[in-house]
Amino acid sequence: MAGPVRLAIVGGRRGGSFEHALKAFSDKIALTAVCDLDEKLLATWNERRPGIKTTTRFEKLLEFDDVDAVLIATPMQLHARQAIQAMKAGKHVLSEVIAACSMDECWELVETTEKTRRTYMLSENYCYTREAMMIKNMAEQKVFGELTFAEGSYIHDCRSLMYYPDQSKTWRGEFVNSQIARANGYPTHSLGPISQWLGITRTDNFVRTTTFVSKCASRAEYSRALLGKDHPDAKPEFWKNSADSASTLIETANGVVISLRFDCGSPRPHQMADHSLQGNRGAYVSGRYHGENAIVWIEGLSGGSDMPGSKQGPFWQPLQELADRYEHPRWKEYGEQAKKAGHGGGDFFVLDDFADAILQKKLPPIDVYDAVTWSCITPLSAQNVRNNGVPQEVPDFLRGKKRSDLEHK
C-alpha cells in the first residue's frame, strides 16, 4: 500500500480516545468509518467528522470498499470473533485487549491470520508507556543482568461500571457470571510489558501457569447497596462463580517466574500499573500510586552493594535519574507528541506501529503470536481454578517456528 491506511473504528466510545493520535498520523491513517450500536454516539461522530461513514452493523462495515483495516474497541468477549470475521473479509485488524477469551479462539486467531495474511496487532498500550519502554531498553541492554523474576498487577475498581443508569447490566456486569469470571480475566496490561522485557515468543517462552482466586465480597456488597437487598444480583448465589481478586504464577523456559494480580472488584484507588523486575545485577520497582516515583538499583551504577568488599549495602535511586542514559529512543524523539495521546502515550505508538506494519508489509511488534500467548492466560487460569490450582501447560502458538522463519507479509 502507498498509504494512508483507511481505518474504521468498531466501538465508537473507546475508539474515540484515539482521535488525537489519529490526527498525528494523518499521512499514514485516514479514518473513514465508525461502527457502533448507539446511534446517538454515531451522530456525534458525524458532527465531529463530517463525511465519514457510520453504521450500527458490523457485517455491513466489512463490506465497505474504502476500509482497509478495523480497530476493534468493543467489549472484550467480542474481540476474537470480530477480528476473525474482519480478516476473512480482507481487513487488517488492530484489536483492543484481551485478544481472546478461550483457547479455541486463540488458535483460530492464529490460523486465520496465517491463512489470510492480514496484519493482526494487539493494541496493548501499556507496553508503550514511557516507563515500560525505558525498562525494555534497559533489559535489552542487560542492565539488570540475568533476569529471574517479574511481577505485575492491574488493580482497578470497576464496580461502578457494572450497571447502566437504568440498572441493566453493562458487558462488565454480564462478565461476572461468565466462564472466565473466576480467573485472571484481564492479564495483558500487566503481562504485556513483562513479556517484552523477557523476550517472550522470541528468546523465552511461557511453560506452565497456575492461578488462585479469592471469594467475591466487594462486588456483591456494591450490588446490594446499589440495587437493594431483594434484587437477584444482591443474592449470595449470584456471585458464587465470581471473584474479587486473582493471583497467577507463570514459569518460563529460561527459569524466570512471573507473578500477576488482577483485581477489578476491590475498593481502592486505581493502580494503573504495578510492576517489578529482578535480575542478578539489579532491580526495578514501579510507583504504587499516581505520583510515586519508580525506583531502581543497578550493581555498579546505583549506590552500594552486597557483594564481597562493599562498604555499604545497596540503596534505591529514582528511575528518572537514569533517563538521560536509558530513555527509549522513540520516547526521546516522539515523547512530546505521544504525551498528548491517550493511555500515557501508548495510543500514539500503537497506531504508528500498526500503520507501519501494513504499509511496510512487516510483522507488527505485538503480533498474533504475542496476542494469544498473553491472552491465553485467561482461559488457562479458569482451568486452573476449576482444577484446584493444578498447573496448566502454555501452548507454543508458533508451533516450533522461530521468528526468523516467519515471512514478511
Protein backbone atom coordinates (compact mmCIF):
# COMPACT_ATOMS: atom_id res chain seq x y z
CA MET A 1 0.00 0.00 0.00
CA ALA A 2 1.09 3.52 -0.69
CA GLY A 3 -0.98 4.86 2.19
CA PRO A 4 -2.73 6.17 4.02
CA VAL A 5 -4.38 3.15 5.65
CA ARG A 6 -8.15 3.63 5.55
CA LEU A 7 -9.31 2.76 9.05
CA ALA A 8 -12.70 2.02 10.58
CA ILE A 9 -13.34 2.13 14.32
CA VAL A 10 -15.61 -0.57 15.72
CA GLY A 11 -16.82 0.56 19.13
CA GLY A 12 -17.07 4.32 18.93
CA ARG A 13 -16.89 5.10 22.63
CA ARG A 14 -13.48 3.60 23.44
CA GLY A 15 -12.36 4.24 19.87
CA GLY A 16 -12.94 7.94 20.36
CA SER A 17 -9.92 8.16 22.63
CA PHE A 18 -7.72 7.53 19.59
CA GLU A 19 -8.80 10.73 17.87
CA HIS A 20 -5.79 12.82 18.92
CA ALA A 21 -3.36 10.10 17.89
CA LEU A 22 -5.15 9.75 14.54
CA LYS A 23 -4.59 13.43 13.84
CA ALA A 24 -0.87 12.97 14.45
CA PHE A 25 -0.69 10.32 11.70
CA SER A 26 -2.92 11.81 9.03
CA ASP A 27 -0.30 10.90 6.42
CA LYS A 28 -0.43 7.22 7.44
CA ILE A 29 -4.00 6.67 8.62
CA ALA A 30 -7.32 8.09 7.40
CA LEU A 31 -10.45 7.47 9.46
CA THR A 32 -13.21 6.55 7.01
CA ALA A 33 -15.93 4.83 9.09
CA VAL A 34 -17.24 4.17 12.59
CA CYS A 35 -19.46 1.31 13.74
CA ASP A 36 -21.41 1.34 16.99
CA LEU A 37 -24.79 0.12 18.25
CA ASP A 38 -25.56 3.55 19.73
CA GLU A 39 -27.00 5.78 17.00
CA LYS A 40 -26.69 8.88 19.21
CA LEU A 41 -22.98 8.22 19.53
CA LEU A 42 -22.68 7.83 15.78
CA ALA A 43 -24.39 11.19 15.35
CA THR A 44 -21.70 12.86 17.47
CA TRP A 45 -19.05 11.24 15.28
CA ASN A 46 -20.75 12.66 12.19
CA GLU A 47 -20.72 16.12 13.77
CA ARG A 48 -17.00 15.91 14.57
CA ARG A 49 -16.01 14.16 11.36
CA PRO A 50 -18.39 15.17 8.54
CA GLY A 51 -18.15 12.78 5.64
CA ILE A 52 -17.23 9.57 7.45
CA LYS A 53 -19.49 6.58 7.07
CA THR A 54 -21.38 5.27 10.10
CA THR A 55 -23.28 2.05 10.67
CA THR A 56 -24.72 0.01 13.51
CA ARG A 57 -23.99 -3.28 11.71
CA PHE A 58 -20.50 -4.79 11.83
CA GLU A 59 -21.22 -7.05 8.87
CA LYS A 60 -22.15 -4.02 6.77
CA LEU A 61 -18.95 -2.25 7.77
CA LEU A 62 -16.93 -5.18 6.46
CA GLU A 63 -18.48 -4.65 3.03
CA PHE A 64 -17.19 -1.06 2.75
CA ASP A 65 -14.65 -0.77 -0.08
CA ASP A 66 -12.98 2.25 1.49
CA VAL A 67 -11.96 0.38 4.66
CA ASP A 68 -8.57 -1.36 4.70
CA ALA A 69 -8.36 -2.00 8.45
CA VAL A 70 -10.52 -2.07 11.56
CA LEU A 71 -9.75 -1.01 15.11
CA ILE A 72 -11.84 -3.28 17.34
CA ALA A 73 -12.76 -1.47 20.56
CA THR A 74 -15.87 -3.42 21.53
CA PRO A 75 -16.46 -5.44 24.73
CA MET A 76 -13.66 -7.97 25.07
CA GLN A 77 -15.92 -11.02 24.69
CA LEU A 78 -16.38 -9.93 21.03
CA HIS A 79 -12.76 -9.23 20.10
CA ALA A 80 -11.70 -12.61 18.72
CA ARG A 81 -14.85 -13.31 16.72
CA GLN A 82 -14.90 -9.83 15.17
CA ALA A 83 -11.18 -9.97 14.38
CA ILE A 84 -11.60 -13.31 12.64
CA GLN A 85 -14.59 -12.01 10.63
CA ALA A 86 -12.67 -8.90 9.62
CA MET A 87 -9.58 -10.76 8.42
CA LYS A 88 -11.72 -13.19 6.42
CA ALA A 89 -13.30 -10.11 4.82
CA GLY A 90 -9.84 -8.90 3.79
CA LYS A 91 -9.35 -6.28 6.51
CA HIS A 92 -6.30 -5.76 8.71
CA VAL A 93 -7.03 -5.78 12.45
CA LEU A 94 -5.93 -3.74 15.44
CA SER A 95 -7.65 -5.30 18.45
CA GLU A 96 -8.13 -3.98 21.94
CA VAL A 97 -7.27 -6.32 24.82
CA ILE A 98 -7.69 -9.12 25.54
CA ALA A 99 -7.34 -10.85 22.16
CA ALA A 100 -9.45 -13.91 23.00
CA CYS A 101 -11.37 -15.48 25.87
CA SER A 102 -10.97 -19.18 25.02
CA MET A 103 -8.24 -21.50 23.78
CA ASP A 104 -10.26 -22.28 20.66
CA GLU A 105 -10.45 -18.56 19.87
CA CYS A 106 -6.68 -18.22 20.37
CA TRP A 107 -5.91 -20.97 17.89
CA GLU A 108 -8.47 -19.73 15.37
CA LEU A 109 -6.95 -16.24 15.51
CA VAL A 110 -3.53 -17.67 14.70
CA GLU A 111 -4.83 -19.87 11.89
CA THR A 112 -6.91 -17.07 10.36
CA THR A 113 -4.02 -14.59 10.46
CA GLU A 114 -1.71 -17.10 8.79
CA LYS A 115 -4.27 -18.10 6.16
CA THR A 116 -5.49 -14.61 5.22
CA ARG A 117 -2.04 -12.98 5.54
CA ARG A 118 -3.69 -9.91 7.01
CA THR A 119 -1.90 -7.79 9.60
CA TYR A 120 -3.11 -8.51 13.12
CA MET A 121 -1.85 -6.41 16.04
CA LEU A 122 -2.89 -6.29 19.68
CA SER A 123 -3.43 -2.76 20.95
CA GLU A 124 -1.71 -3.27 24.31
CA ASN A 125 -0.96 0.36 25.10
CA TYR A 126 0.70 -0.41 28.46
CA CYS A 127 3.71 -1.72 26.52
CA TYR A 128 4.28 1.79 25.18
CA THR A 129 4.28 3.94 28.28
CA ARG A 130 7.46 5.90 28.85
CA GLU A 131 8.42 3.82 31.86
CA ALA A 132 7.68 0.45 30.27
CA MET A 133 9.73 1.29 27.18
CA MET A 134 12.62 2.56 29.28
CA ILE A 135 12.70 -0.69 31.26
CA LYS A 136 12.53 -2.63 27.98
CA ASN A 137 15.52 -0.68 26.72
CA MET A 138 17.43 -1.44 29.92
CA ALA A 139 16.50 -5.13 29.87
CA GLU A 140 17.63 -5.48 26.25
CA GLN A 141 20.97 -3.90 27.20
CA LYS A 142 21.32 -6.43 30.08
CA VAL A 143 21.43 -3.60 32.64
CA PHE A 144 19.65 -5.81 35.19
CA GLY A 145 21.85 -8.78 34.32
CA GLU A 146 20.27 -12.22 34.03
CA LEU A 147 16.55 -11.87 34.68
CA THR A 148 14.94 -14.12 37.29
CA PHE A 149 11.61 -12.66 38.43
CA ALA A 150 8.92 -10.20 37.38
CA GLU A 151 5.59 -9.16 38.78
CA GLY A 152 2.67 -7.07 37.63
CA SER A 153 -0.70 -6.03 38.99
CA TYR A 154 -3.73 -4.48 37.35
CA ILE A 155 -5.97 -3.20 40.14
CA HIS A 156 -8.91 -1.08 39.02
CA ASP A 157 -12.18 -0.79 40.91
CA CYS A 158 -14.74 -1.24 38.10
CA ARG A 159 -17.79 -1.91 40.27
CA SER A 160 -19.46 1.35 39.18
CA LEU A 161 -19.13 0.19 35.55
CA MET A 162 -21.22 -2.97 36.02
CA TYR A 163 -24.60 -1.27 35.54
CA TYR A 164 -26.16 1.35 33.31
CA PRO A 165 -28.15 4.19 34.94
CA ASP A 166 -31.34 2.16 34.44
CA GLN A 167 -29.65 -0.68 36.42
CA SER A 168 -29.40 -3.02 33.43
CA LYS A 169 -26.06 -4.78 33.10
CA THR A 170 -23.14 -3.50 31.05
CA TRP A 171 -20.78 -6.02 29.47
CA ARG A 172 -18.76 -5.90 32.69
CA GLY A 173 -21.90 -6.77 34.60
CA GLU A 174 -22.52 -9.73 32.31
CA PHE A 175 -18.88 -10.77 32.68
CA VAL A 176 -19.22 -11.59 36.39
CA ASN A 177 -21.10 -14.80 35.57
CA SER A 178 -19.11 -15.83 32.51
CA GLN A 179 -16.90 -18.91 32.24
CA ILE A 180 -13.85 -16.76 32.97
CA ALA A 181 -15.25 -14.83 35.95
CA ARG A 182 -13.24 -16.99 38.38
CA ALA A 183 -9.96 -16.45 36.56
CA ASN A 184 -7.35 -13.88 35.63
CA GLY A 185 -9.72 -12.23 33.20
CA TYR A 186 -7.57 -9.30 32.06
CA PRO A 187 -3.87 -10.22 32.14
CA THR A 188 -2.31 -8.30 29.27
CA HIS A 189 -1.90 -4.86 30.88
CA SER A 190 0.43 -6.49 33.40
CA LEU A 191 1.82 -9.25 31.23
CA GLY A 192 2.43 -7.34 28.00
CA PRO A 193 5.29 -5.15 29.26
CA ILE A 194 6.78 -8.04 31.24
CA SER A 195 6.71 -10.29 28.17
CA GLN A 196 8.58 -7.71 26.15
CA TRP A 197 11.19 -7.27 28.89
CA LEU A 198 11.73 -11.06 28.98
CA GLY A 199 11.61 -11.63 25.22
CA ILE A 200 8.60 -13.96 25.37
CA THR A 201 7.93 -15.70 22.00
CA ARG A 202 11.42 -14.61 20.95
CA THR A 203 14.20 -15.63 23.34
CA ASP A 204 11.99 -17.18 26.02
CA ASN A 205 8.57 -18.79 26.32
CA PHE A 206 5.92 -19.45 28.95
CA VAL A 207 5.97 -23.08 30.09
CA ARG A 208 3.23 -23.51 32.69
CA THR A 209 0.90 -21.49 34.83
CA THR A 210 -1.38 -21.68 37.85
CA THR A 211 -3.97 -19.31 39.35
CA PHE A 212 -5.85 -18.97 42.62
CA VAL A 213 -8.81 -16.64 43.20
CA SER A 214 -10.39 -15.01 46.23
CA LYS A 215 -14.03 -15.10 47.21
CA CYS A 216 -16.30 -12.38 45.82
CA ALA A 217 -17.17 -9.94 48.60
CA SER A 218 -16.72 -6.38 47.33
CA ARG A 219 -18.78 -6.57 44.14
CA ALA A 220 -21.57 -8.35 45.96
CA GLU A 221 -21.64 -5.63 48.60
CA TYR A 222 -21.70 -2.91 45.94
CA SER A 223 -24.64 -4.52 44.13
CA ARG A 224 -26.64 -4.81 47.34
CA ALA A 225 -26.05 -1.13 48.08
CA LEU A 226 -26.99 -0.05 44.55
CA LEU A 227 -29.87 -2.38 43.75
CA GLY A 228 -31.32 -3.25 47.12
CA LYS A 229 -31.13 -6.48 49.08
CA ASP A 230 -34.10 -8.06 47.27
CA HIS A 231 -32.59 -7.70 43.77
CA PRO A 232 -31.42 -11.01 42.22
CA ASP A 233 -27.88 -9.60 41.86
CA ALA A 234 -27.80 -8.97 45.62
CA LYS A 235 -28.23 -12.65 46.46
CA PRO A 236 -25.12 -14.61 47.55
CA GLU A 237 -25.73 -17.31 44.94
CA PHE A 238 -25.42 -14.74 42.12
CA TRP A 239 -21.74 -14.25 42.98
CA LYS A 240 -20.70 -17.84 43.68
CA ASN A 241 -18.98 -18.14 40.29
CA SER A 242 -17.13 -14.84 40.52
CA ALA A 243 -14.10 -13.49 42.41
CA ASP A 244 -12.72 -10.18 43.58
CA SER A 245 -9.04 -10.97 43.05
CA ALA A 246 -6.94 -13.45 41.06
CA SER A 247 -3.27 -14.31 41.57
CA THR A 248 -1.35 -16.04 38.76
CA LEU A 249 2.12 -17.58 38.58
CA ILE A 250 3.86 -18.30 35.28
CA GLU A 251 7.13 -20.19 34.76
CA THR A 252 9.26 -19.57 31.66
CA ALA A 253 11.62 -21.84 29.77
CA ASN A 254 14.59 -19.69 30.88
CA GLY A 255 13.72 -20.17 34.54
CA VAL A 256 12.00 -16.84 35.19
CA VAL A 257 8.97 -16.73 37.49
CA ILE A 258 6.20 -14.17 36.83
CA SER A 259 3.62 -13.17 39.44
CA LEU A 260 0.42 -11.41 38.32
CA ARG A 261 -2.54 -9.97 40.22
CA PHE A 262 -5.79 -8.98 38.57
CA ASP A 263 -8.49 -7.24 40.61
CA CYS A 264 -11.40 -5.21 39.22
CA GLY A 265 -13.65 -5.61 42.24
CA SER A 266 -11.89 -4.47 45.38
CA PRO A 267 -12.49 -0.95 46.77
CA ARG A 268 -9.26 1.04 46.48
CA PRO A 269 -7.80 3.82 44.33
CA HIS A 270 -6.91 2.93 40.75
CA GLN A 271 -3.46 1.35 40.36
CA MET A 272 -2.84 1.69 36.64
CA ALA A 273 0.32 -0.38 36.53
CA ASP A 274 2.31 -2.02 39.29
CA HIS A 275 5.43 -3.77 38.05
CA SER A 276 8.78 -5.03 39.24
CA LEU A 277 11.69 -6.74 37.54
CA GLN A 278 14.58 -8.61 39.18
CA GLY A 279 17.90 -9.67 37.74
CA ASN A 280 21.18 -10.84 39.20
CA ARG A 281 22.66 -7.34 38.83
CA GLY A 282 19.74 -5.05 39.53
CA ALA A 283 16.06 -4.48 40.21
CA TYR A 284 13.20 -2.17 39.27
CA VAL A 285 10.01 -1.31 41.18
CA SER A 286 7.31 0.91 39.70
CA GLY A 287 5.41 3.54 41.66
CA ARG A 288 2.47 2.07 43.54
CA TYR A 289 0.15 5.05 43.14
CA HIS A 290 -0.17 8.15 40.95
CA GLY A 291 2.75 10.47 41.60
CA GLU A 292 5.03 7.99 43.35
CA ASN A 293 8.43 7.63 41.69
CA ALA A 294 9.64 4.38 40.18
CA ILE A 295 12.91 3.18 41.69
CA VAL A 296 15.85 1.05 40.55
CA TRP A 297 19.04 -0.37 41.92
CA ILE A 298 21.79 -1.32 39.45
CA GLU A 299 25.03 -3.02 40.52
CA GLY A 300 27.95 -0.68 39.89
CA LEU A 301 25.70 2.22 38.92
CA SER A 302 23.38 2.84 41.85
CA GLY A 303 24.69 3.21 45.38
CA GLY A 304 26.05 0.36 47.46
CA SER A 305 26.25 -3.39 47.02
CA ASP A 306 26.01 -6.61 49.00
CA MET A 307 28.88 -8.15 47.04
CA PRO A 308 32.08 -9.02 48.96
CA GLY A 309 34.19 -5.98 49.73
CA SER A 310 31.38 -3.43 49.59
CA LYS A 311 31.37 -0.95 52.47
CA GLN A 312 27.66 -0.13 52.15
CA GLY A 313 24.56 -2.13 51.28
CA PRO A 314 22.53 -1.31 48.16
CA PHE A 315 20.03 1.53 48.15
CA TRP A 316 17.40 2.64 45.66
CA GLN A 317 17.52 5.59 43.30
CA PRO A 318 14.71 7.17 41.22
CA LEU A 319 14.42 5.60 37.78
CA GLN A 320 14.25 9.03 36.11
CA GLU A 321 17.79 9.79 37.29
CA LEU A 322 18.86 7.33 34.58
CA ALA A 323 16.62 8.74 31.85
CA ASP A 324 19.45 10.53 30.05
CA ARG A 325 21.22 7.20 29.68
CA TYR A 326 18.37 4.73 29.17
CA GLU A 327 15.33 6.63 27.86
CA HIS A 328 13.91 4.65 24.95
CA PRO A 329 14.95 6.25 21.62
CA ARG A 330 11.34 6.52 20.44
CA TRP A 331 10.32 8.42 23.55
CA LYS A 332 13.28 10.74 23.08
CA GLU A 333 12.11 11.52 19.55
CA TYR A 334 8.32 11.47 19.86
CA GLY A 335 7.66 11.85 23.59
CA GLU A 336 6.09 15.29 23.45
CA GLN A 337 3.67 14.19 20.74
CA ALA A 338 2.89 10.92 22.49
CA LYS A 339 2.02 12.63 25.78
CA LYS A 340 -0.92 14.32 24.07
CA ALA A 341 -2.46 10.95 23.16
CA GLY A 342 -4.28 8.59 25.50
CA HIS A 343 -3.03 5.96 27.97
CA GLY A 344 0.28 7.57 28.85
CA GLY A 345 1.28 7.93 25.21
CA GLY A 346 0.51 4.33 24.41
CA ASP A 347 -2.24 5.05 21.88
CA PHE A 348 0.20 7.17 19.85
CA PHE A 349 2.78 4.42 19.39
CA VAL A 350 0.15 1.69 18.88
CA LEU A 351 -1.28 3.45 15.83
CA ASP A 352 2.17 4.27 14.48
CA ASP A 353 3.31 0.64 14.66
CA PHE A 354 0.07 -0.72 13.22
CA ALA A 355 0.19 1.60 10.22
CA ASP A 356 3.88 0.87 9.60
CA ALA A 357 3.26 -2.89 9.72
CA ILE A 358 0.64 -2.58 6.96
CA LEU A 359 2.44 -0.04 4.80
CA GLN A 360 5.85 -1.74 5.09
CA LYS A 361 4.43 -5.28 4.90
CA LYS A 362 6.11 -6.50 8.06
CA LEU A 363 5.03 -8.20 11.27
CA PRO A 364 3.86 -5.74 13.93
CA PRO A 365 5.77 -5.67 17.24
CA ILE A 366 2.77 -7.15 19.08
CA ASP A 367 1.63 -9.72 16.56
CA VAL A 368 -0.92 -12.50 16.75
CA TYR A 369 1.54 -14.89 18.45
CA ASP A 370 2.19 -12.37 21.22
CA ALA A 371 -1.52 -11.57 21.46
CA VAL A 372 -2.68 -15.14 22.04
CA THR A 373 0.29 -16.09 24.23
CA TRP A 374 -0.54 -13.26 26.63
CA SER A 375 -4.32 -13.66 26.37
CA CYS A 376 -4.43 -17.45 26.79
CA ILE A 377 -3.62 -16.94 30.46
CA THR A 378 -7.31 -16.09 30.90
CA PRO A 379 -8.79 -19.45 29.81
CA LEU A 380 -5.87 -21.36 31.31
CA SER A 381 -6.36 -19.62 34.64
CA ALA A 382 -10.05 -20.54 34.58
CA GLN A 383 -8.98 -24.16 34.08
CA ASN A 384 -6.51 -23.80 36.96
CA VAL A 385 -9.28 -22.68 39.28
CA ARG A 386 -11.60 -25.49 38.21
CA ASN A 387 -8.76 -27.96 38.86
CA ASN A 388 -7.83 -26.55 42.28
CA GLY A 389 -4.63 -24.92 41.05
CA VAL A 390 -3.17 -27.80 39.07
CA PRO A 391 -0.63 -26.16 36.71
CA GLN A 392 -1.53 -25.94 33.03
CA GLU A 393 0.96 -26.04 30.17
CA VAL A 394 1.05 -22.92 28.00
CA PRO A 395 0.94 -23.81 24.28
CA ASP A 396 3.58 -22.78 21.78
CA PHE A 397 1.42 -20.90 19.30
CA LEU A 398 4.39 -20.59 16.96
CA ARG A 399 4.37 -24.42 16.80
CA GLY A 400 8.16 -24.66 16.90
CA LYS A 401 8.78 -21.98 14.29
CA LYS A 402 11.39 -19.33 15.00
CA ARG A 403 10.63 -15.71 14.29
CA SER A 404 13.39 -15.72 11.68
CA ASP A 405 11.28 -18.34 9.85
CA LEU A 406 8.28 -16.03 9.58
CA GLU A 407 7.93 -14.31 6.24
CA HIS A 408 7.29 -10.63 5.94
CA LYS A 409 3.74 -10.07 4.82
